[in-house]
């Protein structure tokens, strides 16, 4: 008898908790849409995923528009190795992203 009563209490309690959770989630979504928090989060994600511009990539690697691909690679290797030894991972990743950006630009120029 006690086990049956305990089981009923657990089932009823979990049902109440589930309904409360769903109601709280709906209220949180409503509040987020009123305040514009959801839209701001989406905009931040979009902004963060944008690729580096060609001008920024050239500035990071220290090359000009007239630089040859070999010169870009030499500059990349130099900066990448220097940051691998005693630099930061952040700077190393920026150098790598800059090279990737210029690779796409260089590939588009050679194809077209």
Protein backbone atom coordinates (compact mmCIF):
# COMPACT_ATOMS: atom_id res chain seq x y z
CA UNK A 1 0.00 0.00 0.00
CA UNK A 2 2.80 2.43 0.88
CA UNK A 3 4.64 1.63 -2.34
CA UNK A 4 1.53 2.37 -4.36
CA UNK A 5 1.06 5.71 -2.60
CA UNK A 6 4.72 6.59 -3.15
CA UNK A 7 4.48 5.68 -6.86
CA UNK A 8 1.38 7.88 -7.28
CA UNK A 9 3.15 10.80 -5.61
CA UNK A 10 6.17 10.42 -7.89
CA UNK A 11 4.03 10.26 -11.04
CA UNK A 12 1.92 13.27 -10.02
CA UNK A 13 5.00 15.25 -8.97
CA UNK A 14 6.82 14.60 -12.21
CA UNK A 15 3.73 15.60 -14.21
CA UNK A 16 3.49 18.87 -12.30
CA UNK A 17 7.20 19.54 -12.81
CA UNK A 18 6.97 18.82 -16.54
CA UNK A 19 4.04 21.22 -16.98
CA UNK A 20 5.86 23.91 -14.98
CA UNK A 21 8.99 23.48 -17.10
CA UNK A 22 7.04 23.78 -20.37
CA UNK A 23 5.21 26.87 -19.10
CA UNK A 24 8.50 28.49 -17.99
CA UNK A 25 10.09 27.71 -21.37
CA UNK A 26 7.19 29.29 -23.24
CA UNK A 27 7.39 32.37 -21.03
CA UNK A 28 11.13 32.64 -21.62
CA UNK A 29 10.59 32.48 -25.40
CA UNK A 30 7.89 35.15 -25.18
CA UNK A 31 10.17 37.42 -23.13
CA UNK A 32 13.07 36.90 -25.50
CA UNK A 33 10.99 37.83 -28.53
CA UNK A 34 9.62 40.93 -26.76
CA UNK A 35 13.07 42.17 -25.80
CA UNK A 36 14.70 41.32 -29.11
CA UNK A 37 17.24 39.08 -27.41
CA UNK A 38 16.66 36.24 -29.86
CA UNK A 39 17.18 38.51 -32.88
CA UNK A 40 20.32 39.98 -31.32
CA UNK A 41 21.72 36.50 -30.73
CA UNK A 42 21.07 35.54 -34.36
CA UNK A 43 22.76 38.73 -35.56
CA UNK A 44 25.81 38.02 -33.36
CA UNK A 45 26.09 34.52 -34.79
CA UNK A 46 25.89 35.85 -38.33
CA UNK A 47 28.47 38.52 -37.61
CA UNK A 48 30.83 36.03 -36.02
CA UNK A 49 30.74 33.61 -38.92
CA UNK A 50 31.69 36.11 -41.61
CA UNK A 51 34.87 35.38 -43.46
CA UNK A 52 37.85 37.67 -43.21
CA UNK A 53 38.06 40.37 -45.88
CA UNK A 54 40.89 40.42 -48.38
CA UNK A 55 42.15 43.76 -47.10
CA UNK A 56 42.26 42.45 -43.52
CA UNK A 57 44.07 39.30 -44.64
CA UNK A 58 46.68 41.33 -46.52
CA UNK A 59 47.14 43.59 -43.51
CA UNK A 60 47.66 40.62 -41.17
CA UNK A 61 50.25 39.03 -43.44
CA UNK A 62 51.83 42.36 -44.30
CA UNK A 63 51.59 41.96 -48.07
CA UNK A 64 50.28 44.25 -50.79
CA UNK A 65 47.92 43.62 -53.70
CA UNK A 66 50.94 43.32 -56.00
CA UNK A 67 52.63 40.60 -53.92
CA UNK A 68 53.22 37.27 -55.61
CA UNK A 69 51.77 34.04 -54.23
CA UNK A 70 55.27 32.83 -53.31
CA UNK A 71 55.85 36.00 -51.30
CA UNK A 72 52.53 35.51 -49.50
CA UNK A 73 53.44 31.90 -48.65
CA UNK A 74 56.89 32.93 -47.42
CA UNK A 75 55.36 35.61 -45.20
CA UNK A 76 52.73 33.13 -43.94
CA UNK A 77 55.34 30.48 -43.08
CA UNK A 78 57.47 33.04 -41.25
CA UNK A 79 54.59 34.42 -39.14
CA UNK A 80 53.06 31.00 -38.49
CA UNK A 81 56.34 29.52 -37.24
CA UNK A 82 57.19 32.57 -35.17
CA UNK A 83 53.83 32.36 -33.38
CA UNK A 84 54.12 28.60 -32.99
CA UNK A 85 57.37 28.96 -31.05
CA UNK A 86 56.66 31.83 -28.69
CA UNK A 87 53.48 33.54 -29.81
CA UNK A 88 49.83 33.01 -29.15
CA UNK A 89 47.44 30.49 -30.63
CA UNK A 90 45.03 33.36 -31.43
CA UNK A 91 47.59 35.16 -33.58
CA UNK A 92 48.59 31.91 -35.21
CA UNK A 93 44.97 31.19 -36.14
CA UNK A 94 44.54 34.74 -37.51
CA UNK A 95 47.59 34.22 -39.73
CA UNK A 96 46.18 30.89 -40.93
CA UNK A 97 42.74 32.41 -41.67
CA UNK A 98 44.42 35.23 -43.58
CA UNK A 99 46.25 32.71 -45.76
CA UNK A 100 43.00 30.79 -46.36
CA UNK A 101 41.26 34.00 -47.41
CA UNK A 102 44.03 34.93 -49.83
CA UNK A 103 44.05 31.36 -51.19
CA UNK A 104 40.40 31.73 -52.23
CA UNK A 105 41.11 35.11 -53.80
CA UNK A 106 44.20 33.80 -55.60
CA UNK A 107 42.30 30.69 -56.78
CA UNK A 108 39.50 32.86 -58.18
CA UNK A 109 42.01 35.07 -60.02
CA UNK A 110 43.83 32.13 -61.61
CA UNK A 111 40.57 30.49 -62.71
CA UNK A 112 39.03 33.65 -64.09
